[in-house]
Amino acid sequence: MSRDLELRVAGEAAEAPEGWMVGWVDRAGGIARLSDGSRSLLAVVEGSGSSWTVTLRGRRIPVTVRTWRERVLADAESAATLHGGPIEIRATLPGLVVALALAEGAEVAEGDALLTIEAMKMQNEVRAPRAGRVASMAVTPGQTVATGALLLRLE
């Protein structure tokens, strides 16, 4: 497995066992074969993105595979959720602010949409990492922002 990827099995960090290889028997059907050269096991692989389920010997195992970027974003989200004080929400990519989902002073729940940034003709929704109140908005619709630019403060 690439060092740029993080593998978690049932929520715990994991490494692929040495000597074992994975190959597709029927990729469209999600059937894979795990082999160490002398033993072979069939597995059913379901999912997409970073969330997968592998069924092996009748046991369904949740598996997460995240890129370096996904891991950094997940770590930042966890840190923001645990932090009780005010936080600054910053742009993770350059783009154009196309819409604000709420106004200054609004109460938000974790996961609520805050604003939308368009980058490379794709609209990306910025969501609240935790519950709180919008203390101040630092952008307006139509404004371009760079990576790291302050979007709003949440308290």
C-alpha atoms as a PDB file:
ATOM      1  CA  MET A   1       0.000   0.000   0.000  1.00  0.00           C
ATOM      2  CA  SER A   2       1.231   3.513  -0.779  1.00  0.00           C
ATOM      3  CA  ARG A   3       2.632   5.513   2.118  1.00  0.00           C
ATOM      4  CA  ASP A   4       0.326   8.343   1.040  1.00  0.00           C
ATOM      5  CA  LEU A   5      -2.716   6.298   2.070  1.00  0.00           C
ATOM      6  CA  GLU A   6      -4.027   5.532   5.533  1.00  0.00           C
ATOM      7  CA  LEU A   7      -5.834   2.225   6.101  1.00  0.00           C
ATOM      8  CA  ARG A   8      -8.259   1.799   9.004  1.00  0.00           C
ATOM      9  CA  VAL A   9     -10.084  -1.446   9.725  1.00  0.00           C
ATOM     10  CA  ALA A  10     -13.059  -1.237  12.098  1.00  0.00           C
ATOM     11  CA  GLY A  11     -11.811   2.219  13.130  1.00  0.00           C
ATOM     12  CA  GLU A  12      -8.265   1.089  14.008  1.00  0.00           C
ATOM     13  CA  ALA A  13      -5.108   1.909  12.030  1.00  0.00           C
ATOM     14  CA  ALA A  14      -3.961  -1.139  10.050  1.00  0.00           C
ATOM     15  CA  GLU A  15      -1.169  -2.317   7.786  1.00  0.00           C
ATOM     16  CA  ALA A  16      -1.546  -4.869   5.030  1.00  0.00           C
ATOM     17  CA  PRO A  17      -0.093  -8.212   6.175  1.00  0.00           C
ATOM     18  CA  GLU A  18       3.306  -8.838   4.628  1.00  0.00           C
ATOM     19  CA  GLY A  19       3.292 -11.243   1.708  1.00  0.00           C
ATOM     20  CA  TRP A  20      -0.436 -10.981   1.006  1.00  0.00           C
ATOM     21  CA  MET A  21      -1.604  -9.719  -2.368  1.00  0.00           C
ATOM     22  CA  VAL A  22      -5.054  -8.618  -3.545  1.00  0.00           C
ATOM     23  CA  GLY A  23      -6.369  -9.184  -7.042  1.00  0.00           C
ATOM     24  CA  TRP A  24      -9.763  -8.757  -8.624  1.00  0.00           C
ATOM     25  CA  VAL A  25     -11.713 -11.855  -9.653  1.00  0.00           C
ATOM     26  CA  ASP A  26     -14.705  -9.758 -10.792  1.00  0.00           C
ATOM     27  CA  ARG A  27     -14.078  -6.044 -10.285  1.00  0.00           C
ATOM     28  CA  ALA A  28     -17.571  -4.981 -11.441  1.00  0.00           C
ATOM     29  CA  GLY A  29     -19.117  -7.486  -9.015  1.00  0.00           C
ATOM     30  CA  GLY A  30     -16.770  -6.509  -6.183  1.00  0.00           C
ATOM     31  CA  ILE A  31     -15.185  -9.967  -5.832  1.00  0.00           C
ATOM     32  CA  ALA A  32     -11.500  -9.980  -4.851  1.00  0.00           C
ATOM     33  CA  ARG A  33      -8.996 -12.726  -4.042  1.00  0.00           C
ATOM     34  CA  LEU A  34      -6.489 -12.368  -1.209  1.00  0.00           C
ATOM     35  CA  SER A  35      -3.479 -14.675  -1.479  1.00  0.00           C
ATOM     36  CA  ASP A  36      -0.156 -15.231   0.257  1.00  0.00           C
ATOM     37  CA  GLY A  37       1.077 -17.714  -2.360  1.00  0.00           C
ATOM     38  CA  SER A  38      -0.044 -20.811  -0.482  1.00  0.00           C
ATOM     39  CA  ARG A  39      -3.485 -19.762   0.776  1.00  0.00           C
ATOM     40  CA  SER A  40      -6.299 -17.971  -1.016  1.00  0.00           C
ATOM     41  CA  LEU A  41      -9.451 -16.251   0.292  1.00  0.00           C
ATOM     42  CA  LEU A  42     -12.360 -14.680  -1.588  1.00  0.00           C
ATOM     43  CA  ALA A  43     -13.757 -11.358  -0.361  1.00  0.00           C
ATOM     44  CA  VAL A  44     -16.697  -9.180  -1.340  1.00  0.00           C
ATOM     45  CA  VAL A  45     -15.715  -5.492  -1.554  1.00  0.00           C
ATOM     46  CA  GLU A  46     -18.460  -2.832  -1.427  1.00  0.00           C
ATOM     47  CA  GLY A  47     -18.345   0.945  -1.153  1.00  0.00           C
ATOM     48  CA  SER A  48     -16.858   4.025  -2.741  1.00  0.00           C
ATOM     49  CA  GLY A  49     -14.662   6.986  -1.937  1.00  0.00           C
ATOM     50  CA  SER A  50     -12.939   6.327   1.366  1.00  0.00           C
ATOM     51  CA  SER A  51     -15.659   4.158   3.020  1.00  0.00           C
ATOM     52  CA  TRP A  52     -15.719   0.453   2.189  1.00  0.00           C
ATOM     53  CA  THR A  53     -17.030  -2.804   3.608  1.00  0.00           C
ATOM     54  CA  VAL A  54     -15.132  -6.038   3.053  1.00  0.00           C
ATOM     55  CA  THR A  55     -16.957  -9.314   3.650  1.00  0.00           C
ATOM     56  CA  LEU A  56     -14.466 -12.066   4.445  1.00  0.00           C
ATOM     57  CA  ARG A  57     -15.467 -15.518   5.723  1.00  0.00           C
ATOM     58  CA  GLY A  58     -18.983 -14.208   6.464  1.00  0.00           C
ATOM     59  CA  ARG A  59     -17.724 -11.280   8.548  1.00  0.00           C
ATOM     60  CA  ARG A  60     -18.482  -7.725   7.371  1.00  0.00           C
ATOM     61  CA  ILE A  61     -15.522  -5.459   8.136  1.00  0.00           C
ATOM     62  CA  PRO A  62     -15.725  -1.654   7.779  1.00  0.00           C
ATOM     63  CA  VAL A  63     -12.597  -0.338   6.017  1.00  0.00           C
ATOM     64  CA  THR A  64     -11.551   3.279   5.484  1.00  0.00           C
ATOM     65  CA  VAL A  65      -8.860   4.247   2.987  1.00  0.00           C
ATOM     66  CA  ARG A  66      -7.947   7.942   3.047  1.00  0.00           C
ATOM     67  CA  THR A  67      -5.481   9.993   1.057  1.00  0.00           C
ATOM     68  CA  TRP A  68      -3.083  12.337   2.797  1.00  0.00           C
ATOM     69  CA  ARG A  69      -5.443  15.281   2.073  1.00  0.00           C
ATOM     70  CA  GLU A  70      -8.497  13.448   3.431  1.00  0.00           C
ATOM     71  CA  ARG A  71      -6.519  12.497   6.567  1.00  0.00           C
ATOM     72  CA  VAL A  72      -5.411  16.117   7.159  1.00  0.00           C
ATOM     73  CA  LEU A  73      -8.976  17.405   6.711  1.00  0.00           C
ATOM     74  CA  ALA A  74     -10.382  14.738   9.071  1.00  0.00           C
ATOM     75  CA  ASP A  75      -7.741  15.566  11.701  1.00  0.00           C
ATOM     76  CA  ALA A  76      -8.526  19.294  11.397  1.00  0.00           C
ATOM     77  CA  GLU A  77     -12.248  18.606  11.734  1.00  0.00           C
ATOM     78  CA  SER A  78     -11.669  16.495  14.858  1.00  0.00           C
ATOM     79  CA  ALA A  79      -9.474  19.176  16.408  1.00  0.00           C
ATOM     80  CA  ALA A  80     -12.059  21.872  15.690  1.00  0.00           C
ATOM     81  CA  THR A  81     -14.859  19.768  17.186  1.00  0.00           C
ATOM     82  CA  LEU A  82     -12.915  19.202  20.399  1.00  0.00           C
ATOM     83  CA  HIS A  83     -11.925  22.854  20.703  1.00  0.00           C
ATOM     84  CA  GLY A  84     -14.548  24.802  22.657  1.00  0.00           C
ATOM     85  CA  GLY A  85     -13.440  28.370  21.878  1.00  0.00           C
ATOM     86  CA  PRO A  86     -13.867  30.495  18.778  1.00  0.00           C
ATOM     87  CA  ILE A  87     -12.508  29.060  15.538  1.00  0.00           C
ATOM     88  CA  GLU A  88     -11.662  30.571  12.193  1.00  0.00           C
ATOM     89  CA  ILE A  89     -13.035  28.828   9.131  1.00  0.00           C
ATOM     90  CA  ARG A  90     -10.562  29.225   6.261  1.00  0.00           C
ATOM     91  CA  ALA A  91     -10.698  28.344   2.568  1.00  0.00           C
ATOM     92  CA  THR A  92      -9.166  24.963   1.758  1.00  0.00           C
ATOM     93  CA  LEU A  93      -8.984  25.856  -1.947  1.00  0.00           C
ATOM     94  CA  PRO A  94      -8.936  29.030  -4.039  1.00  0.00           C
ATOM     95  CA  GLY A  95     -12.167  30.058  -5.716  1.00  0.00           C
ATOM     96  CA  LEU A  96     -15.155  32.358  -5.930  1.00  0.00           C
ATOM     97  CA  VAL A  97     -17.638  32.723  -3.062  1.00  0.00           C
ATOM     98  CA  VAL A  98     -20.977  32.149  -4.797  1.00  0.00           C
ATOM     99  CA  ALA A  99     -23.372  32.009  -1.840  1.00  0.00           C
ATOM    100  CA  LEU A 100     -23.621  32.517   1.895  1.00  0.00           C
ATOM    101  CA  ALA A 101     -25.993  30.083   3.579  1.00  0.00           C
ATOM    102  CA  LEU A 102     -26.500  32.244   6.674  1.00  0.00           C
ATOM    103  CA  ALA A 103     -25.849  35.632   8.224  1.00  0.00           C
ATOM    104  CA  GLU A 104     -23.721  36.899  11.072  1.00  0.00           C
ATOM    105  CA  GLY A 105     -25.225  35.913  14.434  1.00  0.00           C
ATOM    106  CA  ALA A 106     -26.874  32.751  13.082  1.00  0.00           C
ATOM    107  CA  GLU A 107     -26.768  29.596  15.208  1.00  0.00           C
ATOM    108  CA  VAL A 108     -25.412  26.538  13.398  1.00  0.00           C
ATOM    109  CA  ALA A 109     -25.279  22.827  14.119  1.00  0.00           C
ATOM    110  CA  GLU A 110     -22.340  20.612  13.244  1.00  0.00           C
ATOM    111  CA  GLY A 111     -22.452  19.871   9.509  1.00  0.00           C
ATOM    112  CA  ASP A 112     -24.691  22.845   8.575  1.00  0.00           C
ATOM    113  CA  ALA A 113     -23.839  24.556   5.286  1.00  0.00           C
ATOM    114  CA  LEU A 114     -22.041  27.880   5.839  1.00  0.00           C
ATOM    115  CA  LEU A 115     -21.188  29.021   2.317  1.00  0.00           C
ATOM    116  CA  THR A 116     -20.381  27.802  -1.170  1.00  0.00           C
ATOM    117  CA  ILE A 117     -17.112  28.313  -3.038  1.00  0.00           C
ATOM    118  CA  GLU A 118     -16.830  27.621  -6.764  1.00  0.00           C
ATOM    119  CA  ALA A 119     -13.486  26.300  -7.955  1.00  0.00           C
ATOM    120  CA  MET A 120     -12.787  24.921 -11.438  1.00  0.00           C
ATOM    121  CA  LYS A 121     -16.523  24.998 -12.256  1.00  0.00           C
ATOM    122  CA  MET A 122     -17.327  22.804  -9.229  1.00  0.00           C
ATOM    123  CA  GLN A 123     -19.307  24.124  -6.280  1.00  0.00           C
ATOM    124  CA  ASN A 124     -17.878  23.165  -2.875  1.00  0.00           C
ATOM    125  CA  GLU A 125     -20.000  23.588   0.229  1.00  0.00           C
ATOM    126  CA  VAL A 126     -18.172  24.669   3.384  1.00  0.00           C
ATOM    127  CA  ARG A 127     -19.821  23.090   6.428  1.00  0.00           C
ATOM    128  CA  ALA A 128     -19.661  23.852  10.151  1.00  0.00           C
ATOM    129  CA  PRO A 129     -17.080  21.633  11.908  1.00  0.00           C
ATOM    130  CA  ARG A 130     -19.078  21.985  15.149  1.00  0.00           C
ATOM    131  CA  ALA A 131     -22.139  23.716  16.558  1.00  0.00           C
ATOM    132  CA  GLY A 132     -21.868  27.401  17.417  1.00  0.00           C
ATOM    133  CA  ARG A 133     -22.788  30.928  16.424  1.00  0.00           C
ATOM    134  CA  VAL A 134     -21.409  32.853  13.459  1.00  0.00           C
ATOM    135  CA  ALA A 135     -19.443  35.661  15.121  1.00  0.00           C
ATOM    136  CA  SER A 136     -18.402  37.373  11.881  1.00  0.00           C
ATOM    137  CA  MET A 137     -18.442  36.855   8.140  1.00  0.00           C
ATOM    138  CA  ALA A 138     -15.218  37.804   6.354  1.00  0.00           C
ATOM    139  CA  VAL A 139     -16.434  37.285   2.767  1.00  0.00           C
ATOM    140  CA  THR A 140     -19.295  38.310   0.504  1.00  0.00           C
ATOM    141  CA  PRO A 141     -20.819  36.637  -2.560  1.00  0.00           C
ATOM    142  CA  GLY A 142     -18.776  37.376  -5.688  1.00  0.00           C
ATOM    143  CA  GLN A 143     -15.521  37.684  -3.748  1.00  0.00           C
ATOM    144  CA  THR A 144     -12.528  35.583  -4.812  1.00  0.00           C
ATOM    145  CA  VAL A 145     -10.543  33.879  -2.072  1.00  0.00           C
ATOM    146  CA  ALA A 146      -7.135  32.228  -1.923  1.00  0.00           C
ATOM    147  CA  THR A 147      -6.305  29.013  -0.101  1.00  0.00           C
ATOM    148  CA  GLY A 148      -6.134  29.822   3.620  1.00  0.00           C
ATOM    149  CA  ALA A 149      -8.234  33.001   3.354  1.00  0.00           C
ATOM    150  CA  LEU A 150     -10.470  33.694   6.350  1.00  0.00           C
ATOM    151  CA  LEU A 151     -14.120  32.971   5.504  1.00  0.00           C
ATOM    152  CA  LEU A 152     -15.823  33.413   8.883  1.00  0.00           C
ATOM    153  CA  ARG A 153     -15.416  33.090  12.644  1.00  0.00           C
ATOM    154  CA  LEU A 154     -17.485  30.639  14.646  1.00  0.00           C
ATOM    155  CA  GLU A 155     -17.908  30.791  18.415  1.00  0.00           C
END
